[in-house]
Amino acid sequence: MAKHTSLPTLIFDEIDTGISGETAVRVGNVIGDLEQNMQVICITHLPQIAAKGDAHYFVYKNEETERTTTGIRKLKPEARIKVIAEMLSGKDPGASALKNAQELLGFN
């Protein structure tokens, strides 16, 4: 369908709800195929999907006295490895999570 439509951008919000493992890898591959013909923006919490993107933006909240703001920043490759590793195992990821993140990102 992506090859035969004039949609310039597809946005997937929380496409990972209810999936994991191999299904997440397959969804990531489908998104990768789509990006060959159009821009794809995907909001996800799954490392298998996040690792498929050409770019990775990190969205975060700042809580001030009585106000919460949202920010976004593009991750450089080293920061991306750490964020993917945190998605895999939580804060302060160990060596195996960092290695797994590198593999997911294709930085073998």
N, C-alpha and C. Protein backbone atom coordinates (compact mmCIF):
# COMPACT_ATOMS: atom_id res chain seq x y z
N MET A 1 0.83 -1.18 0.00
CA MET A 1 0.00 0.00 0.00
C MET A 1 0.88 1.25 0.00
N ALA A 2 1.99 1.22 0.76
CA ALA A 2 2.85 2.40 0.88
C ALA A 2 3.41 2.83 -0.46
N LYS A 3 3.65 1.88 -1.35
CA LYS A 3 4.20 2.20 -2.67
C LYS A 3 3.19 2.86 -3.59
N HIS A 4 1.90 2.70 -3.29
CA HIS A 4 0.85 3.15 -4.20
C HIS A 4 0.01 4.29 -3.64
N THR A 5 0.46 4.91 -2.56
CA THR A 5 -0.29 6.03 -2.00
C THR A 5 0.58 7.27 -1.99
N SER A 6 -0.04 8.40 -1.79
CA SER A 6 0.72 9.65 -1.76
C SER A 6 0.83 10.20 -0.34
N LEU A 7 0.78 9.30 0.65
CA LEU A 7 0.94 9.73 2.03
C LEU A 7 2.40 10.09 2.27
N PRO A 8 2.70 11.32 2.66
CA PRO A 8 4.10 11.68 2.88
C PRO A 8 4.65 11.16 4.21
N THR A 9 3.78 10.99 5.21
CA THR A 9 4.23 10.58 6.54
C THR A 9 3.19 9.68 7.19
N LEU A 10 3.67 8.62 7.83
CA LEU A 10 2.82 7.78 8.67
C LEU A 10 3.29 7.94 10.10
N ILE A 11 2.35 8.09 11.03
CA ILE A 11 2.68 8.21 12.44
C ILE A 11 2.02 7.07 13.18
N PHE A 12 2.84 6.29 13.87
CA PHE A 12 2.34 5.19 14.70
C PHE A 12 2.57 5.55 16.15
N ASP A 13 1.50 5.65 16.92
CA ASP A 13 1.60 5.99 18.33
C ASP A 13 1.34 4.74 19.17
N GLU A 14 2.31 4.35 19.97
CA GLU A 14 2.19 3.19 20.84
C GLU A 14 1.83 1.93 20.05
N ILE A 15 2.53 1.72 18.95
CA ILE A 15 2.26 0.56 18.10
C ILE A 15 2.63 -0.74 18.81
N ASP A 16 3.37 -0.64 19.91
CA ASP A 16 3.86 -1.81 20.60
C ASP A 16 2.89 -2.37 21.65
N THR A 17 1.74 -1.78 21.81
CA THR A 17 0.80 -2.23 22.85
C THR A 17 0.42 -3.69 22.62
N GLY A 18 0.68 -4.50 23.64
CA GLY A 18 0.26 -5.90 23.60
C GLY A 18 1.16 -6.84 22.83
N ILE A 19 2.33 -6.39 22.38
CA ILE A 19 3.23 -7.28 21.65
C ILE A 19 4.60 -7.29 22.31
N SER A 20 5.41 -8.28 21.96
CA SER A 20 6.79 -8.35 22.45
C SER A 20 7.55 -9.37 21.61
N GLY A 21 8.82 -9.55 21.92
CA GLY A 21 9.63 -10.58 21.31
C GLY A 21 9.64 -10.57 19.80
N GLU A 22 9.44 -11.74 19.22
CA GLU A 22 9.52 -11.91 17.77
C GLU A 22 8.48 -11.07 17.04
N THR A 23 7.30 -10.91 17.62
CA THR A 23 6.28 -10.07 16.99
C THR A 23 6.77 -8.63 16.89
N ALA A 24 7.43 -8.14 17.92
CA ALA A 24 7.99 -6.78 17.90
C ALA A 24 9.05 -6.65 16.81
N VAL A 25 9.88 -7.66 16.66
CA VAL A 25 10.90 -7.65 15.60
C VAL A 25 10.23 -7.57 14.23
N ARG A 26 9.19 -8.35 14.04
CA ARG A 26 8.49 -8.35 12.75
C ARG A 26 7.81 -7.00 12.48
N VAL A 27 7.19 -6.41 13.50
CA VAL A 27 6.58 -5.09 13.34
C VAL A 27 7.66 -4.07 12.97
N GLY A 28 8.81 -4.14 13.64
CA GLY A 28 9.93 -3.26 13.31
C GLY A 28 10.38 -3.42 11.87
N ASN A 29 10.42 -4.66 11.38
CA ASN A 29 10.80 -4.90 9.99
C ASN A 29 9.79 -4.33 9.01
N VAL A 30 8.50 -4.45 9.32
CA VAL A 30 7.46 -3.87 8.45
C VAL A 30 7.60 -2.36 8.42
N ILE A 31 7.84 -1.75 9.57
CA ILE A 31 8.04 -0.30 9.61
C ILE A 31 9.26 0.08 8.78
N GLY A 32 10.32 -0.72 8.88
CA GLY A 32 11.52 -0.48 8.08
C GLY A 32 11.23 -0.54 6.59
N ASP A 33 10.38 -1.46 6.18
CA ASP A 33 9.98 -1.53 4.76
C ASP A 33 9.19 -0.29 4.36
N LEU A 34 8.30 0.17 5.23
CA LEU A 34 7.50 1.35 4.93
C LEU A 34 8.36 2.59 4.73
N GLU A 35 9.44 2.70 5.53
CA GLU A 35 10.25 3.91 5.46
C GLU A 35 11.05 4.01 4.17
N GLN A 36 11.02 2.98 3.36
CA GLN A 36 11.68 3.05 2.06
C GLN A 36 10.90 3.95 1.09
N ASN A 37 9.61 4.16 1.38
CA ASN A 37 8.75 4.92 0.47
C ASN A 37 8.14 6.18 1.08
N MET A 38 8.31 6.36 2.38
CA MET A 38 7.72 7.53 3.03
C MET A 38 8.39 7.74 4.38
N GLN A 39 8.12 8.88 4.98
CA GLN A 39 8.61 9.16 6.32
C GLN A 39 7.72 8.45 7.32
N VAL A 40 8.33 7.79 8.31
CA VAL A 40 7.59 7.09 9.34
C VAL A 40 8.05 7.61 10.71
N ILE A 41 7.10 7.99 11.52
CA ILE A 41 7.37 8.39 12.90
C ILE A 41 6.68 7.36 13.77
N CYS A 42 7.44 6.77 14.68
CA CYS A 42 6.90 5.70 15.52
C CYS A 42 7.20 6.00 16.98
N ILE A 43 6.19 6.05 17.80
CA ILE A 43 6.33 6.23 19.24
C ILE A 43 6.21 4.84 19.86
N THR A 44 7.29 4.40 20.53
CA THR A 44 7.33 3.04 21.03
C THR A 44 8.09 2.94 22.33
N HIS A 45 7.83 1.87 23.06
CA HIS A 45 8.58 1.55 24.27
C HIS A 45 9.36 0.25 24.10
N LEU A 46 9.31 -0.33 22.92
CA LEU A 46 10.01 -1.60 22.69
C LEU A 46 11.35 -1.38 21.98
N PRO A 47 12.41 -1.93 22.54
CA PRO A 47 13.72 -1.75 21.93
C PRO A 47 13.83 -2.36 20.53
N GLN A 48 13.11 -3.46 20.29
CA GLN A 48 13.16 -4.10 18.98
C GLN A 48 12.64 -3.18 17.89
N ILE A 49 11.68 -2.34 18.22
CA ILE A 49 11.12 -1.40 17.25
C ILE A 49 11.96 -0.14 17.20
N ALA A 50 12.34 0.39 18.35
CA ALA A 50 13.13 1.63 18.40
C ALA A 50 14.45 1.47 17.67
N ALA A 51 15.04 0.30 17.72
CA ALA A 51 16.34 0.07 17.09
C ALA A 51 16.26 0.07 15.57
N LYS A 52 15.09 -0.07 15.00
CA LYS A 52 14.95 -0.13 13.54
C LYS A 52 15.00 1.23 12.87
N GLY A 53 14.82 2.29 13.63
CA GLY A 53 14.76 3.63 13.04
C GLY A 53 16.11 4.15 12.58
N ASP A 54 16.08 5.05 11.62
CA ASP A 54 17.30 5.72 11.17
C ASP A 54 17.73 6.78 12.18
N ALA A 55 16.79 7.30 12.92
CA ALA A 55 17.06 8.31 13.94
C ALA A 55 16.24 7.95 15.18
N HIS A 56 16.73 8.39 16.33
CA HIS A 56 16.05 8.09 17.59
C HIS A 56 15.96 9.38 18.38
N TYR A 57 14.73 9.77 18.68
CA TYR A 57 14.48 10.97 19.48
C TYR A 57 13.98 10.54 20.85
N PHE A 58 14.54 11.14 21.87
CA PHE A 58 14.17 10.81 23.24
C PHE A 58 13.24 11.89 23.77
N VAL A 59 12.05 11.50 24.20
CA VAL A 59 11.07 12.43 24.74
C VAL A 59 11.10 12.32 26.26
N TYR A 60 11.15 13.45 26.93
CA TYR A 60 11.26 13.44 28.39
C TYR A 60 10.41 14.55 29.00
N LYS A 61 10.14 14.41 30.30
CA LYS A 61 9.36 15.40 31.04
C LYS A 61 10.26 16.12 32.03
N ASN A 62 10.02 17.40 32.20
CA ASN A 62 10.65 18.21 33.24
C ASN A 62 9.55 18.65 34.20
N GLU A 63 9.71 18.31 35.45
CA GLU A 63 8.72 18.73 36.44
C GLU A 63 9.32 19.86 37.26
N GLU A 64 8.72 21.02 37.11
CA GLU A 64 9.14 22.18 37.88
C GLU A 64 8.11 22.43 38.97
N THR A 65 8.23 23.50 39.70
CA THR A 65 7.37 23.74 40.85
C THR A 65 5.91 23.38 40.61
N GLU A 66 5.26 24.07 39.75
CA GLU A 66 3.83 23.79 39.51
C GLU A 66 3.55 23.54 38.04
N ARG A 67 4.58 23.15 37.31
CA ARG A 67 4.41 23.02 35.87
C ARG A 67 5.25 21.86 35.35
N THR A 68 4.68 21.10 34.43
CA THR A 68 5.41 20.02 33.77
C THR A 68 5.54 20.38 32.29
N THR A 69 6.76 20.29 31.79
CA THR A 69 7.00 20.54 30.37
C THR A 69 7.59 19.28 29.74
N THR A 70 7.45 19.17 28.45
CA THR A 70 7.98 18.05 27.70
C THR A 70 9.07 18.53 26.77
N GLY A 71 10.14 17.74 26.68
CA GLY A 71 11.23 18.07 25.78
C GLY A 71 11.54 16.90 24.87
N ILE A 72 12.33 17.15 23.85
CA ILE A 72 12.72 16.11 22.91
C ILE A 72 14.15 16.41 22.45
N ARG A 73 14.95 15.35 22.30
CA ARG A 73 16.29 15.53 21.78
C ARG A 73 16.67 14.32 20.93
N LYS A 74 17.42 14.59 19.87
CA LYS A 74 17.90 13.52 19.00
C LYS A 74 19.11 12.88 19.65
N LEU A 75 19.10 11.54 19.69
CA LEU A 75 20.19 10.82 20.32
C LEU A 75 21.32 10.55 19.34
N LYS A 76 22.55 10.74 19.82
CA LYS A 76 23.73 10.35 19.07
C LYS A 76 23.91 8.84 19.26
N PRO A 77 24.71 8.19 18.40
CA PRO A 77 24.84 6.73 18.47
C PRO A 77 25.17 6.16 19.85
N GLU A 78 26.11 6.74 20.57
CA GLU A 78 26.46 6.21 21.90
C GLU A 78 25.31 6.34 22.88
N ALA A 79 24.62 7.48 22.84
CA ALA A 79 23.47 7.67 23.73
C ALA A 79 22.34 6.73 23.35
N ARG A 80 22.22 6.46 22.07
CA ARG A 80 21.18 5.56 21.59
C ARG A 80 21.40 4.15 22.12
N ILE A 81 22.65 3.70 22.14
CA ILE A 81 22.96 2.38 22.69
C ILE A 81 22.51 2.31 24.14
N LYS A 82 22.82 3.34 24.92
CA LYS A 82 22.46 3.35 26.35
C LYS A 82 20.94 3.36 26.53
N VAL A 83 20.23 4.15 25.75
CA VAL A 83 18.77 4.22 25.88
C VAL A 83 18.13 2.89 25.49
N ILE A 84 18.59 2.27 24.41
CA ILE A 84 18.05 0.96 24.01
C ILE A 84 18.35 -0.06 25.11
N ALA A 85 19.55 -0.02 25.69
CA ALA A 85 19.90 -0.93 26.78
C ALA A 85 18.99 -0.70 27.99
N GLU A 86 18.67 0.56 28.29
CA GLU A 86 17.75 0.84 29.39
C GLU A 86 16.34 0.33 29.08
N MET A 87 15.95 0.39 27.82
CA MET A 87 14.65 -0.15 27.43
C MET A 87 14.62 -1.67 27.65
N LEU A 88 15.78 -2.30 27.49
CA LEU A 88 15.88 -3.74 27.68
C LEU A 88 15.90 -4.15 29.14
N SER A 89 16.60 -3.35 29.99
CA SER A 89 16.82 -3.84 31.35
C SER A 89 16.63 -2.83 32.47
N GLY A 90 16.25 -1.61 32.17
CA GLY A 90 16.06 -0.61 33.21
C GLY A 90 17.29 0.27 33.39
N LYS A 91 17.22 1.15 34.38
CA LYS A 91 18.32 2.08 34.67
C LYS A 91 19.60 1.31 34.96
N ASP A 92 20.72 1.93 34.66
CA ASP A 92 22.05 1.34 34.88
C ASP A 92 22.18 -0.05 34.25
N PRO A 93 22.02 -0.14 32.93
CA PRO A 93 22.08 -1.45 32.27
C PRO A 93 23.48 -2.07 32.38
N GLY A 94 23.51 -3.37 32.47
CA GLY A 94 24.76 -4.11 32.55
C GLY A 94 25.38 -4.36 31.18
N ALA A 95 26.50 -5.04 31.17
CA ALA A 95 27.25 -5.30 29.94
C ALA A 95 26.42 -6.09 28.92
N SER A 96 25.64 -7.06 29.40
CA SER A 96 24.86 -7.88 28.45
C SER A 96 23.76 -7.05 27.78
N ALA A 97 23.13 -6.14 28.52
CA ALA A 97 22.10 -5.28 27.92
C ALA A 97 22.73 -4.32 26.91
N LEU A 98 23.90 -3.78 27.24
CA LEU A 98 24.60 -2.88 26.30
C LEU A 98 25.00 -3.63 25.03
N LYS A 99 25.47 -4.87 25.18
CA LYS A 99 25.83 -5.68 24.01
C LYS A 99 24.60 -6.00 23.17
N ASN A 100 23.50 -6.35 23.83
CA ASN A 100 22.26 -6.64 23.13
C ASN A 100 21.77 -5.41 22.37
N ALA A 101 21.87 -4.23 23.00
CA ALA A 101 21.47 -2.98 22.33
C ALA A 101 22.32 -2.74 21.10
N GLN A 102 23.61 -2.97 21.19
CA GLN A 102 24.50 -2.80 20.04
C GLN A 102 24.11 -3.74 18.91
N GLU A 103 23.77 -4.99 19.27
CA GLU A 103 23.35 -5.96 18.26
C GLU A 103 22.04 -5.54 17.60
N LEU A 104 21.07 -5.08 18.40
CA LEU A 104 19.80 -4.62 17.84
C LEU A 104 20.01 -3.46 16.87
N LEU A 105 20.96 -2.59 17.20
CA LEU A 105 21.24 -1.43 16.37
C LEU A 105 22.15 -1.74 15.18
N GLY A 106 22.67 -2.96 15.15
CA GLY A 106 23.55 -3.36 14.05
C GLY A 106 24.97 -2.83 14.19
N PHE A 107 25.39 -2.53 15.43
CA PHE A 107 26.74 -2.04 15.70
C PHE A 107 27.66 -3.17 16.14
N ASN A 108 27.57 -4.32 15.55
CA ASN A 108 28.34 -5.49 15.98
C ASN A 108 29.82 -5.25 15.88
